[in-house]
């Protein structure tokens, strides 16, 4: 057993990786980053690759989220985008 203490007063963020695979289109990165930042989530790293043979974009993000609930909210918001 290890004795631990959690500070509920201090807010911490946790780095989380997220991959978004969608149709490659103009303004895609701007739209994704706008949705993420509108939820007060920092993008600490982003990498975007496109596949010409099927016109898809693979967007890998490293996000700083507060908790699982916030992560689930951003996943739902991105799923609602029309891409």
PDB file of N, CA and C in Angstrom:
ATOM      1  N   UNK A   1       0.835  -1.178   0.000  1.00  0.00           N
ATOM      2  CA  UNK A   1       0.000   0.000   0.000  1.00  0.00           C
ATOM      3  C   UNK A   1       0.879   1.240   0.000  1.00  0.00           C
ATOM      4  N   UNK A   2       0.385   2.242  -0.699  1.00  0.00           N
ATOM      5  CA  UNK A   2       1.079   3.517  -0.770  1.00  0.00           C
ATOM      6  C   UNK A   2       0.105   4.586  -0.306  1.00  0.00           C
ATOM      7  N   UNK A   3       0.545   5.396   0.616  1.00  0.00           N
ATOM      8  CA  UNK A   3      -0.277   6.485   1.115  1.00  0.00           C
ATOM      9  C   UNK A   3      -0.219   7.648   0.129  1.00  0.00           C
ATOM     10  N   UNK A   4      -1.377   8.070  -0.381  1.00  0.00           N
ATOM     11  CA  UNK A   4      -1.425   9.184  -1.335  1.00  0.00           C
ATOM     12  C   UNK A   4      -2.438  10.212  -0.868  1.00  0.00           C
ATOM     13  N   UNK A   5      -2.258  11.419  -1.362  1.00  0.00           N
ATOM     14  CA  UNK A   5      -3.207  12.495  -1.074  1.00  0.00           C
ATOM     15  C   UNK A   5      -3.531  13.204  -2.377  1.00  0.00           C
ATOM     16  N   UNK A   6      -4.791  13.548  -2.531  1.00  0.00           N
ATOM     17  CA  UNK A   6      -5.237  14.257  -3.718  1.00  0.00           C
ATOM     18  C   UNK A   6      -5.658  15.658  -3.303  1.00  0.00           C
ATOM     19  N   UNK A   7      -5.200  16.623  -4.034  1.00  0.00           N
ATOM     20  CA  UNK A   7      -5.599  18.002  -3.770  1.00  0.00           C
ATOM     21  C   UNK A   7      -6.761  18.328  -4.693  1.00  0.00           C
ATOM     22  N   UNK A   8      -7.925  18.516  -4.129  1.00  0.00           N
ATOM     23  CA  UNK A   8      -9.087  18.850  -4.957  1.00  0.00           C
ATOM     24  C   UNK A   8      -9.148  20.343  -5.260  1.00  0.00           C
ATOM     25  N   UNK A   9      -8.324  21.119  -4.600  1.00  0.00           N
ATOM     26  CA  UNK A   9      -8.289  22.567  -4.842  1.00  0.00           C
ATOM     27  C   UNK A   9      -7.442  22.914  -6.056  1.00  0.00           C
ATOM     28  N   UNK A  10      -6.384  22.156  -6.273  1.00  0.00           N
ATOM     29  CA  UNK A  10      -5.505  22.415  -7.398  1.00  0.00           C
ATOM     30  C   UNK A  10      -6.035  21.718  -8.641  1.00  0.00           C
ATOM     31  N   UNK A  11      -6.054  22.463  -9.718  1.00  0.00           N
ATOM     32  CA  UNK A  11      -6.518  21.899 -10.978  1.00  0.00           C
ATOM     33  C   UNK A  11      -5.304  21.415 -11.764  1.00  0.00           C
ATOM     34  N   UNK A  12      -5.337  20.171 -12.191  1.00  0.00           N
ATOM     35  CA  UNK A  12      -4.257  19.594 -12.968  1.00  0.00           C
ATOM     36  C   UNK A  12      -4.777  19.210 -14.342  1.00  0.00           C
ATOM     37  N   UNK A  13      -3.878  19.227 -15.300  1.00  0.00           N
ATOM     38  CA  UNK A  13      -4.232  18.727 -16.620  1.00  0.00           C
ATOM     39  C   UNK A  13      -3.421  17.472 -16.899  1.00  0.00           C
ATOM     40  N   UNK A  14      -3.956  16.655 -17.789  1.00  0.00           N
ATOM     41  CA  UNK A  14      -3.335  15.392 -18.133  1.00  0.00           C
ATOM     42  C   UNK A  14      -3.170  15.328 -19.645  1.00  0.00           C
ATOM     43  N   UNK A  15      -1.987  14.934 -20.114  1.00  0.00           N
ATOM     44  CA  UNK A  15      -1.797  14.827 -21.564  1.00  0.00           C
ATOM     45  C   UNK A  15      -2.509  13.592 -22.110  1.00  0.00           C
ATOM     46  N   UNK A  16      -3.290  13.810 -23.159  1.00  0.00           N
ATOM     47  CA  UNK A  16      -4.061  12.730 -23.769  1.00  0.00           C
ATOM     48  C   UNK A  16      -3.875  12.794 -25.275  1.00  0.00           C
ATOM     49  N   UNK A  17      -3.622  11.651 -25.881  1.00  0.00           N
ATOM     50  CA  UNK A  17      -3.526  11.588 -27.330  1.00  0.00           C
ATOM     51  C   UNK A  17      -4.889  11.336 -27.949  1.00  0.00           C
ATOM     52  N   UNK A  18      -5.135  12.000 -29.076  1.00  0.00           N
ATOM     53  CA  UNK A  18      -6.396  11.800 -29.797  1.00  0.00           C
ATOM     54  C   UNK A  18      -6.097  11.770 -31.292  1.00  0.00           C
ATOM     55  N   UNK A  19      -6.669  10.804 -31.984  1.00  0.00           N
ATOM     56  CA  UNK A  19      -6.540  10.730 -33.443  1.00  0.00           C
ATOM     57  C   UNK A  19      -7.905  10.946 -34.059  1.00  0.00           C
ATOM     58  N   UNK A  20      -7.955  11.858 -35.030  1.00  0.00           N
ATOM     59  CA  UNK A  20      -9.180  12.135 -35.772  1.00  0.00           C
ATOM     60  C   UNK A  20      -8.899  11.783 -37.228  1.00  0.00           C
ATOM     61  N   UNK A  21      -9.692  10.886 -37.780  1.00  0.00           N
ATOM     62  CA  UNK A  21      -9.580  10.522 -39.188  1.00  0.00           C
ATOM     63  C   UNK A  21     -10.841  11.015 -39.875  1.00  0.00           C
ATOM     64  N   UNK A  22     -10.652  11.857 -40.895  1.00  0.00           N
ATOM     65  CA  UNK A  22     -11.815  12.455 -41.544  1.00  0.00           C
ATOM     66  C   UNK A  22     -11.483  12.827 -42.986  1.00  0.00           C
ATOM     67  N   UNK A  23     -12.464  13.329 -43.680  1.00  0.00           N
ATOM     68  CA  UNK A  23     -12.296  13.766 -45.059  1.00  0.00           C
ATOM     69  C   UNK A  23     -11.371  14.985 -45.088  1.00  0.00           C
ATOM     70  N   UNK A  24     -10.389  14.970 -45.974  1.00  0.00           N
ATOM     71  CA  UNK A  24      -9.469  16.091 -46.123  1.00  0.00           C
ATOM     72  C   UNK A  24     -10.177  17.214 -46.871  1.00  0.00           C
ATOM     73  N   UNK A  25     -10.261  18.371 -46.229  1.00  0.00           N
ATOM     74  CA  UNK A  25     -10.906  19.515 -46.858  1.00  0.00           C
ATOM     75  C   UNK A  25     -10.303  20.810 -46.331  1.00  0.00           C
ATOM     76  N   UNK A  26     -10.480  21.869 -47.098  1.00  0.00           N
ATOM     77  CA  UNK A  26      -9.944  23.170 -46.726  1.00  0.00           C
ATOM     78  C   UNK A  26     -10.570  23.641 -45.413  1.00  0.00           C
ATOM     79  N   UNK A  27      -9.747  24.141 -44.500  1.00  0.00           N
ATOM     80  CA  UNK A  27     -10.231  24.660 -43.225  1.00  0.00           C
ATOM     81  C   UNK A  27     -10.398  23.617 -42.142  1.00  0.00           C
ATOM     82  N   UNK A  28     -10.030  22.371 -42.439  1.00  0.00           N
ATOM     83  CA  UNK A  28     -10.217  21.278 -41.483  1.00  0.00           C
ATOM     84  C   UNK A  28      -9.477  21.527 -40.174  1.00  0.00           C
ATOM     85  N   UNK A  29      -8.198  21.858 -40.262  1.00  0.00           N
ATOM     86  CA  UNK A  29      -7.394  22.061 -39.053  1.00  0.00           C
ATOM     87  C   UNK A  29      -7.924  23.242 -38.253  1.00  0.00           C
ATOM     88  N   UNK A  30      -8.324  24.306 -38.934  1.00  0.00           N
ATOM     89  CA  UNK A  30      -8.872  25.475 -38.243  1.00  0.00           C
ATOM     90  C   UNK A  30     -10.162  25.112 -37.498  1.00  0.00           C
ATOM     91  N   UNK A  31     -11.009  24.312 -38.134  1.00  0.00           N
ATOM     92  CA  UNK A  31     -12.272  23.921 -37.508  1.00  0.00           C
ATOM     93  C   UNK A  31     -12.040  23.029 -36.292  1.00  0.00           C
ATOM     94  N   UNK A  32     -11.140  22.062 -36.427  1.00  0.00           N
ATOM     95  CA  UNK A  32     -10.840  21.180 -35.299  1.00  0.00           C
ATOM     96  C   UNK A  32     -10.234  21.959 -34.136  1.00  0.00           C
ATOM     97  N   UNK A  33      -9.263  22.817 -34.429  1.00  0.00           N
ATOM     98  CA  UNK A  33      -8.618  23.564 -33.348  1.00  0.00           C
ATOM     99  C   UNK A  33      -9.575  24.562 -32.709  1.00  0.00           C
ATOM    100  N   UNK A  34     -10.501  25.116 -33.468  1.00  0.00           N
ATOM    101  CA  UNK A  34     -11.488  26.040 -32.899  1.00  0.00           C
ATOM    102  C   UNK A  34     -12.403  25.319 -31.910  1.00  0.00           C
ATOM    103  N   UNK A  35     -12.835  24.112 -32.267  1.00  0.00           N
ATOM    104  CA  UNK A  35     -13.700  23.346 -31.362  1.00  0.00           C
ATOM    105  C   UNK A  35     -12.943  22.990 -30.082  1.00  0.00           C
ATOM    106  N   UNK A  36     -11.708  22.547 -30.236  1.00  0.00           N
ATOM    107  CA  UNK A  36     -10.910  22.164 -29.069  1.00  0.00           C
ATOM    108  C   UNK A  36     -10.651  23.369 -28.169  1.00  0.00           C
ATOM    109  N   UNK A  37     -10.221  24.474 -28.739  1.00  0.00           N
ATOM    110  CA  UNK A  37      -9.906  25.643 -27.913  1.00  0.00           C
ATOM    111  C   UNK A  37     -11.156  26.286 -27.321  1.00  0.00           C
ATOM    112  N   UNK A  38     -12.302  26.136 -27.963  1.00  0.00           N
ATOM    113  CA  UNK A  38     -13.542  26.696 -27.411  1.00  0.00           C
ATOM    114  C   UNK A  38     -13.936  26.019 -26.102  1.00  0.00           C
ATOM    115  N   UNK A  39     -13.395  24.820 -25.875  1.00  0.00           N
ATOM    116  CA  UNK A  39     -13.675  24.097 -24.631  1.00  0.00           C
ATOM    117  C   UNK A  39     -12.554  24.310 -23.619  1.00  0.00           C
ATOM    118  N   UNK A  40     -11.712  25.314 -23.871  1.00  0.00           N
ATOM    119  CA  UNK A  40     -10.608  25.684 -22.975  1.00  0.00           C
ATOM    120  C   UNK A  40      -9.615  24.537 -22.798  1.00  0.00           C
ATOM    121  N   UNK A  41      -9.358  23.819 -23.898  1.00  0.00           N
ATOM    122  CA  UNK A  41      -8.409  22.718 -23.905  1.00  0.00           C
ATOM    123  C   UNK A  41      -7.200  23.146 -24.719  1.00  0.00           C
ATOM    124  N   UNK A  42      -6.021  22.949 -24.161  1.00  0.00           N
ATOM    125  CA  UNK A  42      -4.787  23.297 -24.852  1.00  0.00           C
ATOM    126  C   UNK A  42      -4.357  22.157 -25.770  1.00  0.00           C
ATOM    127  N   UNK A  43      -3.908  22.519 -26.966  1.00  0.00           N
ATOM    128  CA  UNK A  43      -3.306  21.564 -27.893  1.00  0.00           C
ATOM    129  C   UNK A  43      -1.799  21.720 -27.733  1.00  0.00           C
ATOM    130  N   UNK A  44      -1.153  20.730 -27.138  1.00  0.00           N
ATOM    131  CA  UNK A  44       0.288  20.835 -26.926  1.00  0.00           C
ATOM    132  C   UNK A  44       1.087  20.295 -28.115  1.00  0.00           C
ATOM    133  N   UNK A  45       0.431  19.511 -28.971  1.00  0.00           N
ATOM    134  CA  UNK A  45       1.096  18.995 -30.174  1.00  0.00           C
ATOM    135  C   UNK A  45       0.030  18.617 -31.192  1.00  0.00           C
ATOM    136  N   UNK A  46       0.321  18.886 -32.456  1.00  0.00           N
ATOM    137  CA  UNK A  46      -0.584  18.487 -33.537  1.00  0.00           C
ATOM    138  C   UNK A  46       0.243  18.029 -34.723  1.00  0.00           C
ATOM    139  N   UNK A  47      -0.214  16.960 -35.347  1.00  0.00           N
ATOM    140  CA  UNK A  47       0.441  16.444 -36.544  1.00  0.00           C
ATOM    141  C   UNK A  47      -0.643  15.985 -37.506  1.00  0.00           C
ATOM    142  N   UNK A  48      -0.598  16.509 -38.721  1.00  0.00           N
ATOM    143  CA  UNK A  48      -1.633  16.216 -39.706  1.00  0.00           C
ATOM    144  C   UNK A  48      -0.983  15.566 -40.930  1.00  0.00           C
ATOM    145  N   UNK A  49      -1.504  14.434 -41.343  1.00  0.00           N
ATOM    146  CA  UNK A  49      -1.073  13.760 -42.568  1.00  0.00           C
ATOM    147  C   UNK A  49      -2.295  13.563 -43.445  1.00  0.00           C
ATOM    148  N   UNK A  50      -2.078  13.651 -44.747  1.00  0.00           N
ATOM    149  CA  UNK A  50      -3.178  13.409 -45.677  1.00  0.00           C
ATOM    150  C   UNK A  50      -2.835  12.223 -46.569  1.00  0.00           C
ATOM    151  N   UNK A  51      -3.879  11.497 -46.919  1.00  0.00           N
ATOM    152  CA  UNK A  51      -3.735  10.350 -47.826  1.00  0.00           C
ATOM    153  C   UNK A  51      -4.421  10.718 -49.131  1.00  0.00           C
ATOM    154  N   UNK A  52      -3.638  10.854 -50.180  1.00  0.00           N
ATOM    155  CA  UNK A  52      -4.180  11.275 -51.461  1.00  0.00           C
ATOM    156  C   UNK A  52      -5.074  10.221 -52.098  1.00  0.00           C
ATOM    157  N   UNK A  53      -4.776   8.941 -51.869  1.00  0.00           N
ATOM    158  CA  UNK A  53      -5.540   7.889 -52.545  1.00  0.00           C
ATOM    159  C   UNK A  53      -6.994   7.828 -52.093  1.00  0.00           C
ATOM    160  N   UNK A  54      -7.300   8.244 -50.877  1.00  0.00           N
ATOM    161  CA  UNK A  54      -8.701   8.236 -50.433  1.00  0.00           C
ATOM    162  C   UNK A  54      -9.146   9.581 -49.857  1.00  0.00           C
ATOM    163  N   UNK A  55      -8.297  10.612 -50.017  1.00  0.00           N
ATOM    164  CA  UNK A  55      -8.630  11.989 -49.594  1.00  0.00           C
ATOM    165  C   UNK A  55      -9.018  12.074 -48.114  1.00  0.00           C
ATOM    166  N   UNK A  56      -8.319  11.328 -47.282  1.00  0.00           N
ATOM    167  CA  UNK A  56      -8.560  11.400 -45.848  1.00  0.00           C
ATOM    168  C   UNK A  56      -7.409  12.113 -45.159  1.00  0.00           C
ATOM    169  N   UNK A  57      -7.729  12.733 -44.034  1.00  0.00           N
ATOM    170  CA  UNK A  57      -6.730  13.380 -43.195  1.00  0.00           C
ATOM    171  C   UNK A  57      -6.643  12.612 -41.886  1.00  0.00           C
ATOM    172  N   UNK A  58      -5.424  12.384 -41.442  1.00  0.00           N
ATOM    173  CA  UNK A  58      -5.187  11.752 -40.139  1.00  0.00           C
ATOM    174  C   UNK A  58      -4.590  12.835 -39.252  1.00  0.00           C
ATOM    175  N   UNK A  59      -5.341  13.217 -38.238  1.00  0.00           N
ATOM    176  CA  UNK A  59      -4.956  14.321 -37.361  1.00  0.00           C
ATOM    177  C   UNK A  59      -4.669  13.764 -35.979  1.00  0.00           C
ATOM    178  N   UNK A  60      -3.407  13.835 -35.575  1.00  0.00           N
ATOM    179  CA  UNK A  60      -3.000  13.379 -34.248  1.00  0.00           C
ATOM    180  C   UNK A  60      -2.764  14.590 -33.360  1.00  0.00           C
ATOM    181  N   UNK A  61      -3.451  14.615 -32.231  1.00  0.00           N
ATOM    182  CA  UNK A  61      -3.337  15.716 -31.280  1.00  0.00           C
ATOM    183  C   UNK A  61      -2.871  15.203 -29.929  1.00  0.00           C
ATOM    184  N   UNK A  62      -2.131  16.011 -29.229  1.00  0.00           N
ATOM    185  CA  UNK A  62      -1.880  15.787 -27.813  1.00  0.00           C
ATOM    186  C   UNK A  62      -2.578  16.949 -27.107  1.00  0.00           C
ATOM    187  N   UNK A  63      -3.561  16.607 -26.278  1.00  0.00           N
ATOM    188  CA  UNK A  63      -4.392  17.599 -25.600  1.00  0.00           C
ATOM    189  C   UNK A  63      -4.128  17.570 -24.108  1.00  0.00           C
ATOM    190  N   UNK A  64      -4.261  18.721 -23.469  1.00  0.00           N
ATOM    191  CA  UNK A  64      -4.149  18.817 -22.013  1.00  0.00           C
ATOM    192  C   UNK A  64      -5.561  18.943 -21.453  1.00  0.00           C
ATOM    193  N   UNK A  65      -6.092  17.841 -20.913  1.00  0.00           N
ATOM    194  CA  UNK A  65      -7.464  17.837 -20.406  1.00  0.00           C
ATOM    195  C   UNK A  65      -7.472  17.753 -18.880  1.00  0.00           C
ATOM    196  N   UNK A  66      -8.567  18.227 -18.303  1.00  0.00           N
ATOM    197  CA  UNK A  66      -8.717  18.219 -16.846  1.00  0.00           C
ATOM    198  C   UNK A  66      -9.105  16.857 -16.298  1.00  0.00           C
ATOM    199  N   UNK A  67      -9.944  16.141 -17.044  1.00  0.00           N
ATOM    200  CA  UNK A  67     -10.449  14.853 -16.548  1.00  0.00           C
ATOM    201  C   UNK A  67     -11.103  14.093 -17.694  1.00  0.00           C
ATOM    202  N   UNK A  68     -11.556  12.896 -17.410  1.00  0.00           N
ATOM    203  CA  UNK A  68     -12.180  12.046 -18.421  1.00  0.00           C
ATOM    204  C   UNK A  68     -13.461  12.674 -18.965  1.00  0.00           C
ATOM    205  N   UNK A  69     -14.210  13.337 -18.122  1.00  0.00           N
ATOM    206  CA  UNK A  69     -15.444  13.981 -18.558  1.00  0.00           C
ATOM    207  C   UNK A  69     -15.156  15.035 -19.635  1.00  0.00           C
ATOM    208  N   UNK A  70     -14.133  15.842 -19.425  1.00  0.00           N
ATOM    209  CA  UNK A  70     -13.785  16.863 -20.411  1.00  0.00           C
ATOM    210  C   UNK A  70     -13.328  16.206 -21.716  1.00  0.00           C
ATOM    211  N   UNK A  71     -12.562  15.129 -21.605  1.00  0.00           N
ATOM    212  CA  UNK A  71     -12.134  14.417 -22.804  1.00  0.00           C
ATOM    213  C   UNK A  71     -13.343  13.874 -23.570  1.00  0.00           C
ATOM    214  N   UNK A  72     -14.277  13.270 -22.868  1.00  0.00           N
ATOM    215  CA  UNK A  72     -15.480  12.743 -23.524  1.00  0.00           C
ATOM    216  C   UNK A  72     -16.289  13.850 -24.192  1.00  0.00           C
ATOM    217  N   UNK A  73     -16.308  15.025 -23.595  1.00  0.00           N
ATOM    218  CA  UNK A  73     -17.026  16.156 -24.187  1.00  0.00           C
ATOM    219  C   UNK A  73     -16.383  16.598 -25.493  1.00  0.00           C
ATOM    220  N   UNK A  74     -15.056  16.633 -25.534  1.00  0.00           N
ATOM    221  CA  UNK A  74     -14.397  17.051 -26.764  1.00  0.00           C
ATOM    222  C   UNK A  74     -14.559  15.991 -27.849  1.00  0.00           C
ATOM    223  N   UNK A  75     -14.540  14.729 -27.479  1.00  0.00           N
ATOM    224  CA  UNK A  75     -14.765  13.671 -28.464  1.00  0.00           C
ATOM    225  C   UNK A  75     -16.164  13.817 -29.071  1.00  0.00           C
ATOM    226  N   UNK A  76     -17.166  14.059 -28.235  1.00  0.00           N
ATOM    227  CA  UNK A  76     -18.534  14.232 -28.727  1.00  0.00           C
ATOM    228  C   UNK A  76     -18.648  15.453 -29.633  1.00  0.00           C
ATOM    229  N   UNK A  77     -17.997  16.546 -29.267  1.00  0.00           N
ATOM    230  CA  UNK A  77     -18.055  17.770 -30.065  1.00  0.00           C
ATOM    231  C   UNK A  77     -17.404  17.552 -31.435  1.00  0.00           C
ATOM    232  N   UNK A  78     -16.299  16.831 -31.478  1.00  0.00           N
ATOM    233  CA  UNK A  78     -15.635  16.576 -32.761  1.00  0.00           C
ATOM    234  C   UNK A  78     -16.456  15.617 -33.615  1.00  0.00           C
ATOM    235  N   UNK A  79     -17.107  14.654 -33.003  1.00  0.00           N
ATOM    236  CA  UNK A  79     -17.964  13.737 -33.772  1.00  0.00           C
ATOM    237  C   UNK A  79     -19.133  14.478 -34.412  1.00  0.00           C
ATOM    238  N   UNK A  80     -19.563  15.594 -33.821  1.00  0.00           N
ATOM    239  CA  UNK A  80     -20.669  16.366 -34.362  1.00  0.00           C
ATOM    240  C   UNK A  80     -20.279  17.274 -35.528  1.00  0.00           C
ATOM    241  N   UNK A  81     -18.977  17.412 -35.782  1.00  0.00           N
ATOM    242  CA  UNK A  81     -18.540  18.219 -36.918  1.00  0.00           C
ATOM    243  C   UNK A  81     -18.890  17.514 -38.214  1.00  0.00           C
ATOM    244  N   UNK A  82     -19.175  18.280 -39.241  1.00  0.00           N
ATOM    245  CA  UNK A  82     -19.478  17.702 -40.545  1.00  0.00           C
ATOM    246  C   UNK A  82     -18.191  17.652 -41.341  1.00  0.00           C
ATOM    247  N   UNK A  83     -17.584  16.471 -41.352  1.00  0.00           N
ATOM    248  CA  UNK A  83     -16.326  16.320 -42.103  1.00  0.00           C
ATOM    249  C   UNK A  83     -16.368  15.063 -42.931  1.00  0.00           C
TER     250      UNK A  83
END
